[in-house]
Amino acid sequence: MLPDTQHIQSIAYAGHRCLQLQTRHGTAVLALHGAHLLSWVPTGQREVFWLSPLALPEPAAIRGGVPVCWPWFGKQGMPDGAMPHGPVRNRTWDVSCVHADGPDCVSIELTPCTTPSPDDPLNRFASDLRLSLRVDLDEYLTQTLHTHNQGADDYSLTQALHSYFAVANASTVRIEGLAGLRYDDKLQGTSDQLQTGSFLLKNACDSVYQQATHSAQHHYTVMDPEGQRQIHITTKGSQSVVVWNPGAAGARTMADVPDDAWSQFFCVEASNAWDDSIMLGADAHHRLVQRLQVSPMKQ
């Protein structure tokens, strides 16, 4: 654990050992368990992330905030017994670097702890990969997931920053920036569907939008009219984006989601999944980045 400084403090939050980052632009809370971003409150605004009050204790993955899914998404490319969304969200991370640039910007970098055991999933399936997560807090909140393949063989990498954005009413939320993209609907079992216009929730959703980056970056906006705000998401190194909400029926099957909580969040996940996996060559690097900003709804 780091010694407390003016801009980074060790705290307990939601039952976890955490680091709180603070600048004049706001505060963010990062759990050492999973390098899991639990909270971000821009100055003068309210909480940006939803965190389940029924989240299971460690070593279970935390429900809500921003889980790190790596080095596979779901169980893509893995045997049936593999941990869903990879093992790093279920383990402790170490702080490897800190930079506090006065009251305007704080940066922190963490790496997941590993064990010498050959049964460790990272040793079994991704022994040559090295991972770090950097969080920058200034007028934006930026997360950078950096993967380095130190081996001699290619690795097919899938991953996501599985953000749970807090909204007033998921049924009235619109997501902009998806129009014109093709997607696979996992609930309906359909593929290569075309998104036309804004995304609107119909009962539940679990859709993977493919080839989402036509340029160096892409921008999405979560429009929350009842909450009177917009959440702006800019991604880099993200070939796909996942949009997920379990709906009322799905929430009832989840032990760590209250039955009525489905309407309080919307997941928009910067990712590389399904056909948009990253083939990471020997000594190659990849950075998955999302930058977040919040603004009032335009009247």
Protein backbone atom coordinates (compact mmCIF):
# COMPACT_ATOMS: atom_id res chain seq x y z
CA MET A 1 0.00 0.00 0.00
CA LEU A 2 1.24 3.49 -0.78
CA PRO A 3 1.91 6.06 1.92
CA ASP A 4 -0.79 8.71 1.96
CA THR A 5 -0.06 11.89 0.06
CA GLN A 6 -2.04 15.03 -0.51
CA HIS A 7 -3.62 13.65 -3.69
CA ILE A 8 -3.62 9.87 -3.07
CA GLN A 9 -4.90 8.31 0.13
CA SER A 10 -5.39 4.75 1.34
CA ILE A 11 -9.02 4.21 2.34
CA ALA A 12 -11.59 1.48 2.93
CA TYR A 13 -14.48 1.68 0.49
CA ALA A 14 -17.39 -0.75 0.05
CA GLY A 15 -15.47 -3.33 2.06
CA HIS A 16 -12.28 -3.15 -0.03
CA ARG A 17 -8.77 -1.76 0.42
CA CYS A 18 -8.65 1.16 -1.95
CA LEU A 19 -6.73 4.16 -3.13
CA GLN A 20 -8.55 7.47 -3.45
CA LEU A 21 -7.26 9.85 -6.10
CA GLN A 22 -8.18 13.51 -5.69
CA THR A 23 -7.62 16.61 -7.78
CA ARG A 24 -9.52 19.86 -8.11
CA HIS A 25 -11.47 18.13 -10.90
CA GLY A 26 -12.92 15.42 -8.63
CA THR A 27 -12.22 12.14 -6.84
CA ALA A 28 -11.85 8.53 -7.96
CA VAL A 29 -11.60 5.34 -5.89
CA LEU A 30 -9.63 2.33 -7.12
CA ALA A 31 -9.74 -1.03 -5.32
CA LEU A 32 -6.54 -3.07 -5.11
CA HIS A 33 -8.75 -6.12 -5.66
CA GLY A 34 -8.95 -6.35 -9.44
CA ALA A 35 -7.58 -2.81 -9.99
CA HIS A 36 -11.30 -2.18 -10.01
CA LEU A 37 -12.47 1.42 -10.42
CA LEU A 38 -15.32 1.73 -7.92
CA SER A 39 -16.15 5.42 -7.99
CA TRP A 40 -15.65 8.65 -9.89
CA VAL A 41 -17.27 11.88 -8.77
CA PRO A 42 -16.36 14.94 -10.86
CA THR A 43 -16.30 18.16 -8.86
CA GLY A 44 -19.81 19.54 -8.38
CA GLN A 45 -21.42 16.42 -9.89
CA ARG A 46 -22.71 13.07 -8.68
CA GLU A 47 -21.38 9.52 -8.91
CA VAL A 48 -20.71 8.30 -12.47
CA PHE A 49 -20.56 4.53 -11.78
CA TRP A 50 -23.11 2.09 -10.40
CA LEU A 51 -21.83 -0.28 -7.70
CA SER A 52 -23.99 -3.14 -6.48
CA PRO A 53 -24.94 -3.08 -2.78
CA LEU A 54 -24.97 -6.90 -3.01
CA ALA A 55 -21.44 -7.22 -4.43
CA LEU A 56 -19.88 -10.50 -3.24
CA PRO A 57 -16.83 -10.45 -0.94
CA GLU A 58 -13.30 -11.05 -2.20
CA PRO A 59 -11.98 -13.05 -3.96
CA ALA A 60 -15.14 -12.86 -6.08
CA ALA A 61 -15.20 -10.23 -8.81
CA ILE A 62 -16.89 -6.96 -7.85
CA ARG A 63 -20.22 -6.18 -9.53
CA GLY A 64 -20.31 -2.62 -10.84
CA GLY A 65 -17.73 0.11 -11.36
CA VAL A 66 -15.24 -0.87 -14.08
CA PRO A 67 -14.07 -4.52 -13.96
CA VAL A 68 -10.97 -5.42 -15.99
CA CYS A 69 -11.71 -8.37 -18.32
CA TRP A 70 -8.36 -9.81 -19.53
CA PRO A 71 -6.76 -11.69 -21.31
CA TRP A 72 -10.01 -13.17 -22.55
CA PHE A 73 -13.55 -11.82 -22.78
CA GLY A 74 -16.27 -14.14 -21.51
CA LYS A 75 -14.64 -17.53 -22.14
CA GLN A 76 -13.61 -16.73 -25.69
CA GLY A 77 -10.97 -19.18 -26.87
CA MET A 78 -10.79 -20.84 -23.43
CA PRO A 79 -11.90 -24.28 -22.16
CA ASP A 80 -15.25 -24.59 -20.36
CA GLY A 81 -13.65 -24.47 -16.93
CA ALA A 82 -11.89 -21.15 -17.49
CA MET A 83 -12.83 -18.19 -15.30
CA PRO A 84 -15.32 -15.91 -17.09
CA HIS A 85 -13.67 -12.68 -18.26
CA GLY A 86 -10.20 -13.82 -17.16
CA PRO A 87 -8.50 -14.06 -13.77
CA VAL A 88 -7.15 -10.56 -13.13
CA ARG A 89 -10.41 -9.06 -11.83
CA ASN A 90 -10.35 -11.65 -9.02
CA ARG A 91 -6.88 -10.95 -7.64
CA THR A 92 -4.88 -8.28 -5.84
CA TRP A 93 -2.88 -5.78 -7.87
CA ASP A 94 0.30 -3.94 -6.83
CA VAL A 95 1.01 -0.26 -7.36
CA SER A 96 3.97 0.13 -9.71
CA CYS A 97 4.04 3.86 -10.41
CA VAL A 98 2.49 7.09 -9.11
CA HIS A 99 2.64 10.63 -10.43
CA ALA A 100 0.90 13.62 -8.85
CA ASP A 101 1.15 16.81 -10.89
CA GLY A 102 -0.16 19.16 -8.23
CA PRO A 103 -3.91 19.78 -7.94
CA ASP A 104 -4.62 19.27 -11.66
CA CYS A 105 -3.62 15.68 -12.44
CA VAL A 106 -2.92 12.42 -10.63
CA SER A 107 -1.79 9.20 -12.31
CA ILE A 108 -1.38 5.72 -10.86
CA GLU A 109 -0.30 2.45 -12.47
CA LEU A 110 -0.93 -1.06 -11.17
CA THR A 111 0.05 -4.60 -12.18
CA PRO A 112 -1.73 -7.86 -11.22
CA CYS A 113 -0.06 -10.16 -8.70
CA THR A 114 0.93 -13.58 -10.00
CA THR A 115 1.88 -16.81 -8.26
CA PRO A 116 4.61 -19.35 -9.15
CA SER A 117 2.01 -22.13 -9.31
CA PRO A 118 1.61 -23.80 -12.72
CA ASP A 119 -2.13 -23.95 -11.95
CA ASP A 120 -2.37 -20.15 -11.88
CA PRO A 121 -4.55 -19.32 -14.93
CA LEU A 122 -2.10 -16.64 -16.02
CA ASN A 123 0.74 -19.19 -16.03
CA ARG A 124 -1.38 -21.79 -17.84
CA PHE A 125 -2.88 -19.61 -20.56
CA ALA A 126 -0.98 -16.31 -20.74
CA SER A 127 2.46 -16.86 -19.20
CA ASP A 128 4.21 -14.57 -21.70
CA LEU A 129 1.84 -11.62 -21.31
CA ARG A 130 2.47 -8.68 -19.02
CA LEU A 131 -0.31 -6.29 -18.03
CA SER A 132 -0.62 -2.89 -16.41
CA LEU A 133 -3.51 -0.51 -15.83
CA ARG A 134 -2.96 3.22 -15.65
CA VAL A 135 -5.59 5.60 -14.30
CA ASP A 136 -5.28 9.34 -14.94
CA LEU A 137 -7.55 11.81 -13.16
CA ASP A 138 -7.70 15.36 -14.46
CA GLU A 139 -10.61 17.04 -16.23
CA TYR A 140 -11.18 13.56 -17.68
CA LEU A 141 -10.91 10.11 -16.18
CA THR A 142 -8.70 7.95 -18.40
CA GLN A 143 -7.92 4.23 -18.11
CA THR A 144 -5.16 2.62 -20.16
CA LEU A 145 -4.87 -1.18 -20.25
CA HIS A 146 -1.39 -2.01 -21.56
CA THR A 147 -0.51 -5.54 -22.72
CA HIS A 148 3.02 -6.64 -23.69
CA ASN A 149 3.65 -10.03 -25.27
CA GLN A 150 7.11 -11.02 -24.08
CA GLY A 151 6.96 -14.43 -25.72
CA ALA A 152 8.03 -15.69 -29.13
CA ASP A 153 4.54 -16.79 -30.23
CA ASP A 154 1.49 -14.80 -31.29
CA TYR A 155 -1.33 -14.46 -28.77
CA SER A 156 -5.01 -13.88 -29.60
CA LEU A 157 -6.02 -11.27 -27.01
CA THR A 158 -9.61 -10.41 -26.06
CA GLN A 159 -10.40 -7.90 -23.32
CA ALA A 160 -12.74 -5.21 -22.04
CA LEU A 161 -13.16 -2.34 -19.63
CA HIS A 162 -16.63 -3.42 -18.47
CA SER A 163 -18.01 -0.04 -17.35
CA TYR A 164 -21.28 0.15 -15.38
CA PHE A 165 -22.52 3.71 -15.87
CA ALA A 166 -25.05 4.98 -13.32
CA VAL A 167 -28.26 6.25 -14.97
CA ALA A 168 -31.60 7.47 -13.65
CA ASN A 169 -33.66 5.10 -15.81
CA ALA A 170 -32.13 2.65 -18.29
CA SER A 171 -35.42 2.46 -20.20
CA THR A 172 -35.08 6.08 -21.30
CA VAL A 173 -31.33 6.09 -22.02
CA ARG A 174 -30.07 6.63 -25.58
CA ILE A 175 -26.60 5.67 -26.73
CA GLU A 176 -25.15 7.70 -29.58
CA GLY A 177 -22.17 6.73 -31.73
CA LEU A 178 -23.28 3.20 -32.68
CA ALA A 179 -25.26 4.05 -35.82
CA GLY A 180 -23.86 2.33 -38.92
CA LEU A 181 -22.08 -0.41 -36.96
CA ARG A 182 -22.80 -4.11 -37.35
CA TYR A 183 -23.46 -6.17 -34.24
CA ASP A 184 -24.13 -9.66 -32.93
CA ASP A 185 -27.14 -9.91 -30.61
CA LYS A 186 -26.27 -12.63 -28.08
CA LEU A 187 -29.76 -12.66 -26.55
CA GLN A 188 -31.54 -13.15 -29.86
CA GLY A 189 -28.83 -15.37 -31.33
CA THR A 190 -28.53 -13.19 -34.43
CA SER A 191 -25.42 -11.79 -36.10
CA ASP A 192 -24.39 -9.08 -38.55
CA GLN A 193 -27.28 -6.79 -37.63
CA LEU A 194 -27.09 -3.12 -38.63
CA GLN A 195 -27.58 -0.41 -36.00
CA THR A 196 -29.69 2.42 -37.36
CA GLY A 197 -30.07 5.57 -35.29
CA SER A 198 -29.67 5.78 -31.52
CA PHE A 199 -29.58 2.67 -29.34
CA LEU A 200 -32.64 2.28 -27.11
CA LEU A 201 -33.16 -0.52 -24.58
CA LYS A 202 -35.87 -3.10 -25.26
CA ASN A 203 -36.28 -5.27 -22.13
CA ALA A 204 -32.62 -6.41 -22.07
CA CYS A 205 -29.55 -6.33 -24.31
CA ASP A 206 -26.22 -8.08 -24.83
CA SER A 207 -24.78 -6.91 -28.13
CA VAL A 208 -21.24 -6.88 -29.48
CA TYR A 209 -20.63 -4.16 -32.07
CA GLN A 210 -17.85 -5.15 -34.45
CA GLN A 211 -15.22 -3.08 -36.26
CA ALA A 212 -16.16 -0.10 -34.12
CA THR A 213 -12.94 1.82 -34.73
CA HIS A 214 -12.82 3.22 -38.23
CA SER A 215 -10.11 5.72 -37.24
CA ALA A 216 -7.64 6.16 -34.39
CA GLN A 217 -10.47 6.62 -31.89
CA HIS A 218 -14.22 6.42 -31.52
CA HIS A 219 -16.72 8.35 -29.45
CA TYR A 220 -19.95 7.22 -27.76
CA THR A 221 -22.37 9.18 -25.62
CA VAL A 222 -24.70 7.80 -22.96
CA MET A 223 -27.65 10.19 -23.00
CA ASP A 224 -29.52 10.06 -19.66
CA PRO A 225 -32.51 12.43 -19.98
CA GLU A 226 -34.03 11.69 -16.58
CA GLY A 227 -30.62 12.12 -14.96
CA GLN A 228 -30.07 15.29 -17.01
CA ARG A 229 -26.53 14.41 -18.04
CA GLN A 230 -24.39 12.96 -20.82
CA ILE A 231 -21.49 10.57 -20.30
CA HIS A 232 -18.93 10.88 -23.10
CA ILE A 233 -16.76 7.84 -23.85
CA THR A 234 -13.76 8.14 -26.17
CA THR A 235 -11.88 4.93 -26.94
CA LYS A 236 -8.58 4.01 -28.60
CA GLY A 237 -7.31 0.53 -29.39
CA SER A 238 -10.88 -0.75 -29.12
CA GLN A 239 -12.05 -2.67 -32.18
CA SER A 240 -15.43 -3.54 -30.66
CA VAL A 241 -17.88 -2.21 -28.09
CA VAL A 242 -20.27 -4.24 -25.95
CA VAL A 243 -23.65 -2.87 -24.83
CA TRP A 244 -25.24 -4.80 -21.96
CA ASN A 245 -28.13 -4.57 -19.54
CA PRO A 246 -29.71 -7.70 -18.01
CA GLY A 247 -33.23 -6.29 -17.82
CA ALA A 248 -35.67 -7.20 -15.06
CA ALA A 249 -35.76 -10.94 -15.81
CA GLY A 250 -31.99 -11.24 -16.10
CA ALA A 251 -31.39 -9.34 -12.87
CA ARG A 252 -33.54 -11.84 -10.98
CA THR A 253 -31.07 -14.60 -11.91
CA MET A 254 -28.04 -12.70 -10.55
CA ALA A 255 -27.21 -13.04 -6.86
CA ASP A 256 -25.27 -9.76 -6.73
CA VAL A 257 -27.79 -7.55 -8.57
CA PRO A 258 -30.94 -6.40 -6.73
CA ASP A 259 -34.10 -7.20 -8.70
CA ASP A 260 -34.90 -3.56 -9.47
CA ALA A 261 -31.30 -2.38 -10.02
CA TRP A 262 -31.20 -3.17 -13.74
CA SER A 263 -32.75 0.25 -14.42
CA GLN A 264 -29.97 2.04 -12.53
CA PHE A 265 -27.06 1.23 -14.83
CA PHE A 266 -26.02 0.74 -18.43
CA CYS A 267 -22.85 -1.07 -19.52
CA VAL A 268 -20.96 0.32 -22.51
CA GLU A 269 -17.68 -1.61 -22.73
CA ALA A 270 -14.56 -0.59 -24.63
CA SER A 271 -13.38 -3.98 -25.83
CA ASN A 272 -11.71 -6.29 -28.29
CA ALA A 273 -13.97 -9.34 -28.54
CA TRP A 274 -15.36 -11.99 -30.87
CA ASP A 275 -13.98 -11.45 -34.38
CA ASP A 276 -12.20 -8.29 -33.23
CA SER A 277 -9.57 -10.02 -31.11
CA ILE A 278 -6.05 -8.57 -31.18
CA MET A 279 -3.39 -10.84 -32.63
CA LEU A 280 -0.42 -9.76 -30.53
CA GLY A 281 2.89 -10.76 -32.07
CA ALA A 282 6.20 -11.44 -30.36
CA ASP A 283 7.37 -8.44 -28.30
CA ALA A 284 4.30 -6.48 -29.42
CA HIS A 285 2.36 -3.99 -27.28
CA HIS A 286 -1.30 -3.05 -27.25
CA ARG A 287 -3.09 -0.28 -25.37
CA LEU A 288 -6.84 -0.23 -24.78
CA VAL A 289 -7.86 3.26 -23.68
CA GLN A 290 -11.09 4.85 -22.58
CA ARG A 291 -11.42 8.53 -21.66
CA LEU A 292 -14.55 9.69 -19.85
CA GLN A 293 -16.16 13.07 -19.38
CA VAL A 294 -19.57 14.15 -18.06
CA SER A 295 -21.63 17.15 -19.11
CA PRO A 296 -25.22 18.39 -18.57
CA MET A 297 -27.87 17.36 -21.10
CA LYS A 298 -28.37 19.91 -23.81
CA GLN A 299 -31.77 21.53 -23.63
